[in-house]
Amino acid sequence: MIRVPILLLGSAAGLIAVSGAQAADLPVKAKAVEYVRICSLYGAGFFFIPGTDTCIKIGGYLRADTTFNGGVHGAPAWNSDLGQQNRYRDYFVGRARMALTVDTRTATEYGVVRTFGQGDFQFNNFGSSNPTTLTAFPGGLANALSVPGGGYVAVEFLFIQFAGFTFGKSASAYATPWQGFPGNINSSLLGGQNTDTGVNNIQYNAEFGNGVSASIGLDDPTVWDRTAVYNLSIPGAIGANGTGSNAYAGTRAPEIVGRIRVDQAWGLFQLSAAAHEVSGSYNTLGAGGVPTAASEISGHPESKWGGAVMAGLQIKNIPTGAGDDIKIDASYAKGATKYVIATSGTSPNFAMFGDSGFGYQSVGFGATTDGVYLPGAGGTGGIALTTAWGVRGAFNHNWDPYWSSSLFGSYSSVRYDGGANDNLLGAGTSTAKGAYCAAFAVSHPGQALAGNAAGAYTCNPDFNVSQLGVVTRWTPVKNLTFSGEVQWFHLDQKMSGSSVFTATAPKPNALYEFKDQDTVLLQLRVQRNF
């Protein structure tokens, strides 16, 4: 009987020993898991980066576009193979893009510190069936991009904001909030400035309350704010398409830009201004604008300052329906044509061909420049700045929560100073128009005081462009939109008569009638925002 209690006590002691050993093997108490926390300070979609007081939002969109009789961004058929309407042109072109945005914000004693970046992962055809007009992007790698599994990443915005300052690649302080998109989806509505994918800049914005603000900035003009400067003394200064080689000097001064804005419940109004330096490289250049051993000792034209002004207006709460509005802006530029003839890329030159009543075909030209110069005695006396002005806008209407439409349009004008026939007889030139026409006559024979006879024409490089379009959108579910846009483009060129000349291949040497041109495009898009 005594043995049973002893056995029970021994078993209990063993269990206690085993339990103690197991307890000794247990790890130290685990730290609490730090879950992702929602950040409600800056709107929907932000959350705290774990372990920090910084909020982050990841977003973007995925978009697929198809354009018929136009460029990949909805550019009209206004030059190259599309403008010629030859057998090398693509009847349609598609692009797929995913934009990825990263937005971070941190509250500090100086205000919010913000960083923002956007990268576009996209694929479209950068090649061409025409061996002479292959698109060189970037640096001749177009064909390498136009392969199965090809594509590239484009950078839109990359900037830091702190205490009212913005540093990096962002929209210019000159721009309106709608940029070049008052209601359109295409990236080629001319008539005003557009920096919708960002320009390297430094700017400061001051808020005065009640929706009143002002901004001033310094923009890098190299990519966004220049068109071309022509040296009209070089061999073949004006080619078959009425354009010349760019003789811009290197960038020496930033754009000085600014705006004043009133943004309230009724709408928005702003005034913008910009100062732009126009500079030529050298007086003596080889064919194609290539420098020679005589360039540096030949001197150069004095740089000139041009500029631009713009007024923008948005009217909200109009009687046609909830959310409807009107957006419009008007621009004037001297020596800063990119502030009027602006797209999401480079400013276009225009070379469009069509039918003719008596010639092989008709043609319309439009050369986009900031200025031209002709060195030497009887020349232009330096750079003659080009004048441009434009207006664009849209009426945006919501039919119901799922359907909306926009009616948009623009009108732009480019002018070269002087008379249409200055220096026709070689007595000396002193104007941009006269110098241009003298160079144009070398490759386009038949220039005369009146272009009545076949093969005779009057020269005038001025031109106007008009655009009119409508887009309708269907949003069946939130953040998914299907769009269809039709756009008409008209080139009102100022040459008259005709000339026998050798147009850019594959066009033949033939009689071409100078005539206004028209084209129409269709762009389809589906976009999912996230």
Protein backbone atom coordinates (compact mmCIF):
# COMPACT_ATOMS: atom_id res chain seq x y z
CA MET A 1 0.00 0.00 0.00
CA ILE A 2 2.90 2.31 0.70
CA ARG A 3 4.30 1.73 -2.79
CA VAL A 4 1.27 3.29 -4.60
CA PRO A 5 1.60 6.80 -3.08
CA ILE A 6 5.33 6.74 -3.69
CA LEU A 7 4.69 5.84 -7.36
CA LEU A 8 2.13 8.60 -7.77
CA LEU A 9 4.42 11.21 -6.22
CA GLY A 10 7.32 10.11 -8.44
CA SER A 11 5.14 10.34 -11.57
CA ALA A 12 3.97 13.82 -10.61
CA ALA A 13 7.54 14.95 -10.02
CA GLY A 14 8.54 13.59 -13.44
CA LEU A 15 5.73 15.43 -15.17
CA ILE A 16 6.68 18.66 -13.47
CA ALA A 17 10.29 18.22 -14.57
CA VAL A 18 9.28 17.51 -18.16
CA SER A 19 6.89 20.49 -18.22
CA GLY A 20 9.64 22.74 -16.85
CA ALA A 21 12.05 21.59 -19.53
CA GLN A 22 9.47 22.27 -22.26
CA ALA A 23 8.72 25.70 -20.82
CA ALA A 24 12.40 26.52 -20.84
CA ASP A 25 12.47 25.70 -24.57
CA LEU A 26 9.68 28.20 -25.42
CA PRO A 27 10.86 31.38 -27.29
CA VAL A 28 10.60 34.85 -25.88
CA LYS A 29 7.14 36.40 -26.41
CA ALA A 30 6.76 37.37 -30.10
CA LYS A 31 6.44 41.01 -31.05
CA ALA A 32 3.03 42.15 -32.18
CA VAL A 33 2.56 42.01 -35.94
CA GLU A 34 2.53 45.52 -37.45
CA TYR A 35 -0.37 45.52 -39.89
CA VAL A 36 -0.73 48.02 -42.76
CA ARG A 37 -2.72 51.02 -41.55
CA ILE A 38 -4.98 53.17 -43.70
CA CYS A 39 -3.86 56.80 -44.09
CA SER A 40 -6.87 59.07 -44.37
CA LEU A 41 -4.96 62.37 -44.43
CA TYR A 42 -4.64 62.69 -48.22
CA GLY A 43 -7.70 60.96 -49.65
CA ALA A 44 -8.63 57.42 -50.64
CA GLY A 45 -5.99 54.84 -51.48
CA PHE A 46 -3.19 55.97 -49.14
CA PHE A 47 -1.71 53.74 -46.44
CA PHE A 48 1.22 54.08 -44.06
CA ILE A 49 4.49 52.46 -45.07
CA PRO A 50 5.03 50.04 -42.13
CA GLY A 51 7.37 51.42 -39.50
CA THR A 52 7.19 55.00 -40.83
CA ASP A 53 4.96 58.04 -40.73
CA THR A 54 4.97 58.28 -44.54
CA CYS A 55 1.81 57.59 -46.52
CA ILE A 56 1.96 55.98 -49.95
CA LYS A 57 -0.50 55.42 -52.78
CA ILE A 58 0.08 53.14 -55.74
CA GLY A 59 -2.17 53.66 -58.76
CA GLY A 60 -2.29 54.22 -62.49
CA TYR A 61 -4.20 52.91 -65.46
CA LEU A 62 -4.08 50.35 -68.26
CA ARG A 63 -5.05 51.64 -71.70
CA ALA A 64 -5.38 50.25 -75.22
CA ASP A 65 -5.66 52.60 -78.22
CA THR A 66 -6.27 52.07 -81.91
CA THR A 67 -6.09 54.97 -84.37
CA PHE A 68 -7.31 54.80 -87.98
CA ASN A 69 -5.64 57.15 -90.49
CA GLY A 70 -3.53 58.76 -87.82
CA GLY A 71 -0.59 58.43 -85.48
CA VAL A 72 -0.43 56.36 -82.33
CA HIS A 73 -1.31 59.29 -80.05
CA GLY A 74 -4.22 60.37 -82.26
CA ALA A 75 -2.06 62.67 -84.41
CA PRO A 76 -3.70 63.51 -87.76
CA ALA A 77 -2.13 62.43 -91.07
CA TRP A 78 -0.30 65.74 -91.41
CA ASN A 79 3.20 64.66 -92.56
CA SER A 80 5.49 61.74 -93.48
CA ASP A 81 3.97 58.68 -95.20
CA LEU A 82 0.55 59.40 -93.70
CA GLY A 83 0.65 62.93 -95.05
CA GLN A 84 1.70 61.66 -98.49
CA GLN A 85 -0.99 58.94 -98.38
CA ASN A 86 1.46 56.60 -100.10
CA ARG A 87 1.73 52.81 -100.04
CA TYR A 88 4.05 52.82 -97.02
CA ARG A 89 1.49 54.36 -94.68
CA ASP A 90 -0.22 52.28 -92.00
CA TYR A 91 -4.00 52.46 -92.21
CA PHE A 92 -4.20 51.89 -88.47
CA VAL A 93 -1.84 51.69 -85.50
CA GLY A 94 -2.33 50.39 -81.97
CA ARG A 95 -0.69 50.99 -78.62
CA ALA A 96 -1.01 49.28 -75.24
CA ARG A 97 0.15 51.14 -72.11
CA MET A 98 0.18 50.57 -68.38
CA ALA A 99 0.93 53.68 -66.34
CA LEU A 100 2.16 53.04 -62.81
CA THR A 101 2.18 55.91 -60.30
CA VAL A 102 3.76 56.08 -56.84
CA ASP A 103 2.74 58.98 -54.59
CA THR A 104 4.27 59.43 -51.10
CA ARG A 105 3.48 62.13 -48.53
CA THR A 106 4.85 62.92 -45.09
CA ALA A 107 3.54 65.58 -42.72
CA THR A 108 6.32 67.83 -41.34
CA GLU A 109 6.61 71.12 -39.51
CA TYR A 110 7.22 72.76 -42.91
CA GLY A 111 4.13 71.22 -44.46
CA VAL A 112 3.71 68.06 -46.49
CA VAL A 113 6.76 66.55 -48.22
CA ARG A 114 5.57 64.83 -51.38
CA THR A 115 7.26 62.67 -54.01
CA PHE A 116 5.54 61.51 -57.17
CA GLY A 117 6.63 59.34 -60.08
CA GLN A 118 4.96 57.82 -63.12
CA GLY A 119 6.35 55.24 -65.51
CA ASP A 120 4.57 54.08 -68.66
CA PHE A 121 5.11 50.49 -69.77
CA GLN A 122 4.00 50.44 -73.38
CA PHE A 123 4.26 48.84 -76.77
CA ASN A 124 3.48 50.14 -80.23
CA ASN A 125 5.00 49.92 -83.67
CA PHE A 126 7.94 52.34 -83.98
CA GLY A 127 9.04 50.96 -87.31
CA SER A 128 7.99 51.78 -90.84
CA SER A 129 7.81 49.93 -94.12
CA ASN A 130 9.56 52.89 -95.75
CA PRO A 131 13.35 52.44 -95.29
CA THR A 132 13.93 56.20 -95.59
CA THR A 133 11.49 57.24 -92.85
CA LEU A 134 12.16 54.79 -90.03
CA THR A 135 11.37 56.35 -86.69
CA ALA A 136 14.60 56.69 -84.72
CA PHE A 137 13.53 56.08 -81.11
CA PRO A 138 15.64 56.22 -79.17
CA GLY A 139 18.92 56.73 -81.02
CA GLY A 140 17.99 54.46 -83.90
CA LEU A 141 16.60 51.60 -81.76
CA ALA A 142 13.13 51.76 -83.32
CA ASN A 143 13.40 48.39 -85.03
CA ALA A 144 14.61 46.75 -81.81
CA LEU A 145 11.47 47.99 -80.06
CA SER A 146 9.08 46.86 -82.80
CA VAL A 147 9.48 43.14 -82.18
CA PRO A 148 7.34 40.56 -80.37
CA GLY A 149 7.98 41.04 -76.68
CA GLY A 150 9.43 44.48 -77.36
CA GLY A 151 8.25 47.79 -75.94
CA TYR A 152 9.79 50.30 -73.59
CA VAL A 153 9.27 52.32 -70.43
CA ALA A 154 8.62 56.05 -70.74
CA VAL A 155 8.99 58.40 -67.78
CA GLU A 156 6.32 61.02 -67.26
CA PHE A 157 6.48 62.72 -63.85
CA LEU A 158 9.32 62.54 -61.29
CA PHE A 159 9.24 65.34 -58.73
CA ILE A 160 9.58 66.35 -55.07
CA GLN A 161 7.38 68.99 -53.43
CA PHE A 162 8.36 70.76 -50.23
CA ALA A 163 7.30 74.04 -48.61
CA GLY A 164 5.65 75.31 -51.81
CA PHE A 165 8.58 74.31 -54.06
CA THR A 166 8.56 71.65 -56.78
CA PHE A 167 11.81 70.09 -58.02
CA GLY A 168 12.02 67.64 -60.91
CA LYS A 169 9.93 66.63 -63.92
CA SER A 170 6.47 68.12 -63.51
CA ALA A 171 3.91 70.20 -65.38
CA SER A 172 5.11 73.71 -66.11
CA ALA A 173 3.92 76.56 -63.89
CA TYR A 174 2.68 78.09 -67.16
CA ALA A 175 0.19 75.30 -67.87
CA THR A 176 -3.56 75.09 -67.28
CA PRO A 177 -4.85 72.14 -65.23
CA TRP A 178 -6.28 70.53 -68.38
CA GLN A 179 -3.05 71.00 -70.39
CA GLY A 180 -3.81 70.13 -74.06
CA PHE A 181 -6.91 68.12 -73.15
CA PRO A 182 -9.94 70.39 -72.63
CA GLY A 183 -12.16 67.48 -73.70
CA ASN A 184 -10.27 65.38 -76.26
CA ILE A 185 -8.45 62.08 -75.79
CA ASN A 186 -5.93 62.62 -78.62
CA SER A 187 -2.54 64.10 -77.76
CA SER A 188 -2.39 66.52 -80.70
CA LEU A 189 -4.92 69.29 -80.15
CA LEU A 190 -2.94 72.37 -81.21
CA GLY A 191 -3.54 75.96 -80.20
CA GLY A 192 -1.78 76.23 -76.86
CA GLN A 193 0.93 75.00 -74.52
CA ASN A 194 1.14 71.39 -73.32
CA THR A 195 3.54 69.82 -70.77
CA ASP A 196 1.26 66.94 -69.80
CA THR A 197 4.13 64.47 -69.27
CA GLY A 198 6.34 66.88 -67.35
CA VAL A 199 9.31 69.12 -68.03
CA ASN A 200 12.42 69.42 -65.84
CA ASN A 201 11.87 72.52 -63.74
CA ILE A 202 12.05 74.32 -60.43
CA GLN A 203 8.96 76.22 -59.39
CA TYR A 204 7.33 77.86 -56.40
CA ASN A 205 3.59 78.06 -55.74
CA ALA A 206 1.96 80.45 -53.27
CA GLU A 207 -1.61 80.04 -52.03
CA PHE A 208 -3.35 83.26 -50.98
CA GLY A 209 -6.69 81.77 -49.91
CA ASN A 210 -10.15 81.78 -51.48
CA GLY A 211 -8.78 79.79 -54.44
CA VAL A 212 -6.25 82.45 -55.48
CA SER A 213 -2.69 81.28 -56.18
CA ALA A 214 0.42 82.25 -58.09
CA SER A 215 3.35 80.23 -59.42
CA ILE A 216 6.74 81.07 -60.87
CA GLY A 217 9.24 78.64 -62.33
CA LEU A 218 12.33 77.93 -64.41
CA ASP A 219 11.77 75.29 -67.12
CA ASP A 220 14.39 73.41 -69.15
CA PRO A 221 13.46 74.36 -72.75
CA THR A 222 15.55 71.79 -74.61
CA VAL A 223 12.85 69.15 -75.15
CA TRP A 224 9.53 70.86 -74.57
CA ASP A 225 9.81 74.51 -75.52
CA ARG A 226 11.79 74.65 -78.78
CA THR A 227 10.73 74.09 -82.39
CA ALA A 228 13.50 75.06 -84.88
CA VAL A 229 15.69 77.93 -86.04
CA TYR A 230 16.59 77.91 -89.76
CA ASN A 231 19.86 79.24 -91.16
CA LEU A 232 18.69 80.10 -94.67
CA SER A 233 22.22 80.47 -96.08
CA ILE A 234 23.20 76.80 -95.92
CA PRO A 235 23.11 74.65 -99.10
CA GLY A 236 19.61 73.31 -99.66
CA ALA A 237 18.32 75.40 -96.77
CA ILE A 238 14.68 74.56 -97.60
CA GLY A 239 13.98 71.04 -98.78
CA ALA A 240 11.26 69.38 -100.81
CA ASN A 241 8.72 69.52 -97.96
CA GLY A 242 9.26 73.22 -97.27
CA THR A 243 11.26 72.59 -94.10
CA GLY A 244 14.90 73.24 -93.23
CA SER A 245 17.59 71.92 -90.90
CA ASN A 246 17.52 73.03 -87.28
CA ALA A 247 20.32 75.49 -86.46
CA TYR A 248 19.44 76.12 -82.81
CA ALA A 249 22.43 76.73 -80.53
CA GLY A 250 22.80 74.91 -77.22
CA THR A 251 20.56 75.76 -74.29
CA ARG A 252 21.95 78.77 -72.42
CA ALA A 253 18.97 80.04 -70.39
CA PRO A 254 15.90 78.42 -68.86
CA GLU A 255 12.35 79.42 -69.64
CA ILE A 256 11.09 81.95 -67.11
CA VAL A 257 7.42 81.11 -66.59
CA GLY A 258 4.61 82.04 -64.24
CA ARG A 259 0.88 82.29 -63.79
CA ILE A 260 -1.85 83.75 -61.60
CA ARG A 261 -4.91 81.56 -61.01
CA VAL A 262 -8.36 81.90 -59.45
CA ASP A 263 -9.98 78.48 -58.83
CA GLN A 264 -13.43 78.60 -57.21
CA ALA A 265 -16.80 76.85 -57.30
CA TRP A 266 -17.93 78.71 -60.43
CA GLY A 267 -14.82 77.70 -62.37
CA LEU A 268 -11.24 78.76 -63.02
CA PHE A 269 -9.41 81.66 -64.63
CA GLN A 270 -5.68 82.07 -65.08
CA LEU A 271 -3.14 84.25 -66.87
CA SER A 272 0.25 82.80 -67.83
CA ALA A 273 3.45 84.27 -69.27
CA ALA A 274 6.79 82.86 -70.44
CA ALA A 275 10.13 84.26 -71.62
CA HIS A 276 12.04 82.12 -74.15
CA GLU A 277 15.57 82.58 -75.52
CA VAL A 278 16.04 82.01 -79.28
CA SER A 279 19.65 81.42 -80.36
CA GLY A 280 21.34 80.31 -83.58
CA SER A 281 24.48 78.19 -83.75
CA TYR A 282 26.72 79.62 -86.52
CA ASN A 283 26.53 81.73 -89.66
CA THR A 284 28.33 79.11 -91.77
CA LEU A 285 26.98 75.57 -91.73
CA GLY A 286 27.14 72.68 -94.16
CA ALA A 287 24.26 70.90 -95.83
CA GLY A 288 21.79 69.62 -93.27
CA GLY A 289 22.97 72.19 -90.75
CA VAL A 290 26.15 70.22 -89.99
CA PRO A 291 29.02 72.36 -88.62
CA THR A 292 32.16 72.74 -90.72
CA ALA A 293 35.75 73.86 -90.04
CA ALA A 294 34.63 77.39 -90.96
CA SER A 295 31.65 77.49 -88.58
CA GLU A 296 33.32 78.78 -85.42
CA ILE A 297 35.19 81.61 -87.15
CA SER A 298 32.09 82.65 -89.15
CA GLY A 299 30.36 84.17 -86.15
CA HIS A 300 26.78 83.70 -85.09
CA PRO A 301 23.55 85.70 -84.86
CA GLU A 302 22.82 87.48 -81.62
CA SER A 303 20.39 85.66 -79.38
CA LYS A 304 16.94 87.16 -78.94
CA TRP A 305 14.31 86.79 -76.26
CA GLY A 306 10.82 85.85 -77.30
CA GLY A 307 7.93 84.71 -75.20
CA ALA A 308 4.31 83.75 -74.88
CA VAL A 309 1.16 84.66 -72.97
CA MET A 310 -1.96 82.60 -72.36
CA ALA A 311 -5.38 83.10 -70.80
CA GLY A 312 -7.36 80.06 -69.63
CA LEU A 313 -11.00 79.85 -68.54
CA GLN A 314 -13.17 77.05 -67.17
CA ILE A 315 -16.89 77.56 -66.48
CA LYS A 316 -18.56 74.95 -64.28
CA ASN A 317 -22.18 74.27 -63.30
CA ILE A 318 -23.59 75.29 -66.67
CA PRO A 319 -27.34 74.67 -67.21
CA THR A 320 -26.92 71.76 -69.64
CA GLY A 321 -26.39 69.18 -66.89
CA ALA A 322 -24.64 68.15 -63.70
CA GLY A 323 -20.88 68.12 -64.10
CA ASP A 324 -20.93 69.82 -67.50
CA ASP A 325 -18.32 72.48 -68.16
CA ILE A 326 -16.59 74.58 -70.79
CA LYS A 327 -12.80 74.88 -71.01
CA ILE A 328 -11.01 77.32 -73.30
CA ASP A 329 -7.56 78.90 -73.59
CA ALA A 330 -6.06 81.46 -75.96
CA SER A 331 -2.32 81.94 -76.63
CA TYR A 332 0.02 84.36 -78.37
CA ALA A 333 3.73 83.73 -78.95
CA LYS A 334 6.68 85.53 -80.52
CA GLY A 335 9.73 83.34 -81.08
CA ALA A 336 8.14 80.61 -78.93
CA THR A 337 5.96 78.69 -81.38
CA LYS A 338 5.89 75.52 -79.23
CA TYR A 339 3.55 77.42 -76.90
CA VAL A 340 0.97 77.33 -79.72
CA ILE A 341 1.82 74.43 -82.06
CA ALA A 342 2.17 71.96 -79.19
CA THR A 343 1.49 68.24 -78.82
CA SER A 344 2.53 65.65 -76.23
CA GLY A 345 5.69 65.29 -78.31
CA THR A 346 7.52 67.51 -80.75
CA SER A 347 5.85 70.28 -82.73
CA PRO A 348 4.89 69.00 -86.20
CA ASN A 349 5.79 70.38 -89.59
CA PHE A 350 3.06 69.89 -92.17
CA ALA A 351 3.39 68.24 -95.60
CA MET A 352 0.07 66.94 -96.88
CA PHE A 353 -0.79 65.71 -100.39
CA GLY A 354 -4.16 65.36 -102.08
CA ASP A 355 -6.01 65.49 -105.38
CA SER A 356 -5.50 68.20 -108.00
CA GLY A 357 -7.60 69.45 -110.87
CA PHE A 358 -4.64 69.88 -113.21
CA GLY A 359 -1.39 68.72 -111.59
CA TYR A 360 -0.09 65.31 -110.61
CA GLN A 361 -1.30 66.03 -107.07
CA SER A 362 -1.90 68.95 -104.74
CA VAL A 363 0.28 69.73 -101.73
CA GLY A 364 0.15 71.89 -98.63
CA PHE A 365 3.24 72.84 -96.60
CA GLY A 366 3.68 74.40 -93.16
CA ALA A 367 7.10 74.93 -91.53
CA THR A 368 7.03 75.36 -87.74
CA THR A 369 9.91 77.52 -86.44
CA ASP A 370 10.83 79.87 -83.62
CA GLY A 371 12.76 82.04 -86.08
CA VAL A 372 14.92 82.18 -89.22
CA TYR A 373 18.09 84.04 -90.12
CA LEU A 374 20.09 84.84 -93.25
CA PRO A 375 23.64 86.03 -92.47
CA GLY A 376 25.52 88.64 -94.43
CA ALA A 377 24.77 91.85 -96.31
CA GLY A 378 21.15 92.06 -97.40
CA GLY A 379 20.23 89.32 -94.92
CA THR A 380 17.73 89.39 -92.12
CA GLY A 381 20.05 91.28 -89.78
CA GLY A 382 19.88 88.56 -87.15
CA ILE A 383 17.16 86.15 -86.13
CA ALA A 384 13.68 87.13 -87.32
CA LEU A 385 11.24 85.72 -84.77
CA THR A 386 8.17 83.79 -85.87
CA THR A 387 4.75 84.86 -84.62
CA ALA A 388 2.01 82.40 -83.64
CA TRP A 389 -1.35 82.51 -81.93
CA GLY A 390 -4.06 80.00 -81.20
CA VAL A 391 -7.26 79.17 -79.36
CA ARG A 392 -8.68 75.79 -78.33
CA GLY A 393 -11.47 74.54 -76.12
CA ALA A 394 -14.21 72.03 -75.46
CA PHE A 395 -17.79 71.68 -74.24
CA ASN A 396 -18.11 68.63 -71.98
CA HIS A 397 -21.55 67.10 -71.38
CA ASN A 398 -22.74 64.18 -69.22
CA TRP A 399 -25.79 62.45 -70.68
CA ASP A 400 -26.22 60.25 -67.59
CA PRO A 401 -23.89 58.54 -65.06
CA TYR A 402 -22.66 56.16 -67.78
CA TRP A 403 -22.43 58.24 -70.97
CA SER A 404 -20.63 61.52 -71.72
CA SER A 405 -19.51 63.46 -74.79
CA SER A 406 -17.17 66.33 -75.59
CA LEU A 407 -17.17 68.66 -78.56
CA PHE A 408 -13.71 70.17 -79.02
CA GLY A 409 -11.80 72.28 -81.50
CA SER A 410 -8.86 74.59 -82.12
CA TYR A 411 -7.51 77.21 -84.50
CA SER A 412 -3.83 78.14 -84.80
CA SER A 413 -1.90 80.58 -86.97
CA VAL A 414 1.83 80.88 -87.80
CA ARG A 415 3.21 84.06 -89.42
CA TYR A 416 6.59 85.09 -90.88
CA ASP A 417 7.22 88.82 -91.13
CA GLY A 418 7.63 90.72 -94.39
CA GLY A 419 6.09 90.59 -97.84
CA ALA A 420 5.28 87.45 -99.76
CA ASN A 421 7.69 88.29 -102.63
CA ASP A 422 10.55 90.11 -100.89
CA ASN A 423 13.82 89.74 -102.81
CA LEU A 424 12.19 87.87 -105.68
CA LEU A 425 14.71 89.43 -108.06
CA GLY A 426 17.68 88.99 -105.71
CA ALA A 427 17.94 92.65 -104.75
CA GLY A 428 18.51 91.83 -101.09
CA THR A 429 16.39 90.45 -98.30
CA SER A 430 15.54 91.95 -94.98
CA THR A 431 12.52 89.91 -93.82
CA ALA A 432 11.86 86.36 -92.71
CA LYS A 433 9.35 85.76 -95.47
CA GLY A 434 11.63 87.06 -98.21
CA ALA A 435 14.60 85.01 -97.00
CA TYR A 436 12.49 81.87 -96.71
CA CYS A 437 10.99 82.30 -100.19
CA ALA A 438 14.43 82.84 -101.75
CA ALA A 439 15.59 79.52 -100.24
CA PHE A 440 12.31 77.81 -101.17
CA ALA A 441 12.71 78.85 -104.83
CA VAL A 442 15.98 76.87 -105.12
CA SER A 443 14.14 73.55 -104.74
CA HIS A 444 10.76 74.71 -106.08
CA PRO A 445 11.15 76.49 -109.44
CA GLY A 446 8.55 78.83 -110.88
CA GLN A 447 8.27 81.45 -108.16
CA ALA A 448 6.68 84.55 -109.69
CA LEU A 449 4.75 87.65 -108.74
CA ALA A 450 1.54 85.84 -109.67
CA GLY A 451 0.93 82.14 -109.83
CA ASN A 452 -1.56 81.98 -112.70
CA ALA A 453 0.27 79.91 -115.30
CA ALA A 454 0.99 76.21 -114.81
CA GLY A 455 4.32 75.84 -113.05
CA ALA A 456 4.25 79.35 -111.54
CA TYR A 457 3.42 80.25 -107.96
CA THR A 458 3.54 82.95 -105.33
CA CYS A 459 5.41 82.12 -102.15
CA ASN A 460 4.08 82.65 -98.66
CA PRO A 461 5.14 80.35 -95.78
CA ASP A 462 2.33 81.52 -93.47
CA PHE A 463 -0.28 78.92 -92.55
CA ASN A 464 -3.28 78.21 -90.33
CA VAL A 465 -4.49 74.90 -88.93
CA SER A 466 -7.99 74.02 -87.70
CA GLN A 467 -9.26 71.03 -85.77
CA LEU A 468 -12.78 69.95 -84.87
CA GLY A 469 -13.79 66.73 -83.17
CA VAL A 470 -16.20 64.88 -80.95
CA VAL A 471 -15.60 62.09 -78.44
CA THR A 472 -18.19 59.89 -76.72
CA ARG A 473 -17.40 57.83 -73.62
CA TRP A 474 -19.21 54.89 -72.02
CA THR A 475 -18.38 53.94 -68.42
CA PRO A 476 -20.36 50.74 -67.67
CA VAL A 477 -18.64 50.27 -64.32
CA LYS A 478 -16.56 52.59 -62.19
CA ASN A 479 -13.05 53.31 -63.57
CA LEU A 480 -13.62 51.42 -66.85
CA THR A 481 -14.23 53.65 -69.87
CA PHE A 482 -14.67 52.98 -73.59
CA SER A 483 -14.10 56.02 -75.86
CA GLY A 484 -14.54 56.78 -79.55
CA GLU A 485 -13.23 60.02 -81.07
CA VAL A 486 -13.51 61.47 -84.57
CA GLN A 487 -11.31 64.43 -85.50
CA TRP A 488 -11.15 66.61 -88.63
CA PHE A 489 -7.95 68.50 -89.41
CA HIS A 490 -7.58 71.32 -91.97
CA LEU A 491 -4.35 72.91 -93.23
CA ASP A 492 -4.89 76.40 -94.63
CA GLN A 493 -1.61 77.08 -96.45
CA LYS A 494 -0.86 80.39 -98.16
CA MET A 495 1.08 79.32 -101.26
CA SER A 496 -0.80 79.72 -104.55
CA GLY A 497 -0.21 78.31 -108.02
CA SER A 498 1.91 75.30 -108.83
CA SER A 499 5.49 74.12 -109.28
CA VAL A 500 7.32 71.28 -110.98
CA PHE A 501 9.65 69.86 -108.33
CA THR A 502 10.95 66.60 -106.90
CA ALA A 503 8.91 65.76 -103.84
CA THR A 504 10.17 63.38 -101.15
CA ALA A 505 10.29 59.79 -102.45
CA PRO A 506 8.28 57.84 -103.40
CA LYS A 507 6.65 60.92 -104.96
CA PRO A 508 7.89 61.68 -108.49
CA ASN A 509 9.20 64.85 -110.10
CA ALA A 510 5.94 66.33 -111.32
CA LEU A 511 3.64 69.34 -111.38
CA TYR A 512 2.16 69.91 -107.91
CA GLU A 513 -0.63 72.36 -107.15
CA PHE A 514 -0.34 74.32 -103.90
CA LYS A 515 -3.66 73.80 -102.15
CA ASP A 516 -5.30 73.54 -98.72
CA GLN A 517 -5.55 70.00 -97.30
CA ASP A 518 -7.93 68.02 -95.08
CA THR A 519 -7.83 64.73 -93.21
CA VAL A 520 -10.05 62.81 -90.76
CA LEU A 521 -9.08 60.22 -88.14
CA LEU A 522 -10.85 57.83 -85.79
CA GLN A 523 -9.40 56.89 -82.40
CA LEU A 524 -10.79 54.12 -80.17
CA ARG A 525 -9.74 53.60 -76.56
CA VAL A 526 -10.49 51.39 -73.58
CA GLN A 527 -9.03 52.40 -70.22
CA ARG A 528 -9.14 50.92 -66.74
CA ASN A 529 -8.00 53.16 -63.87
CA PHE A 530 -6.78 51.67 -60.61
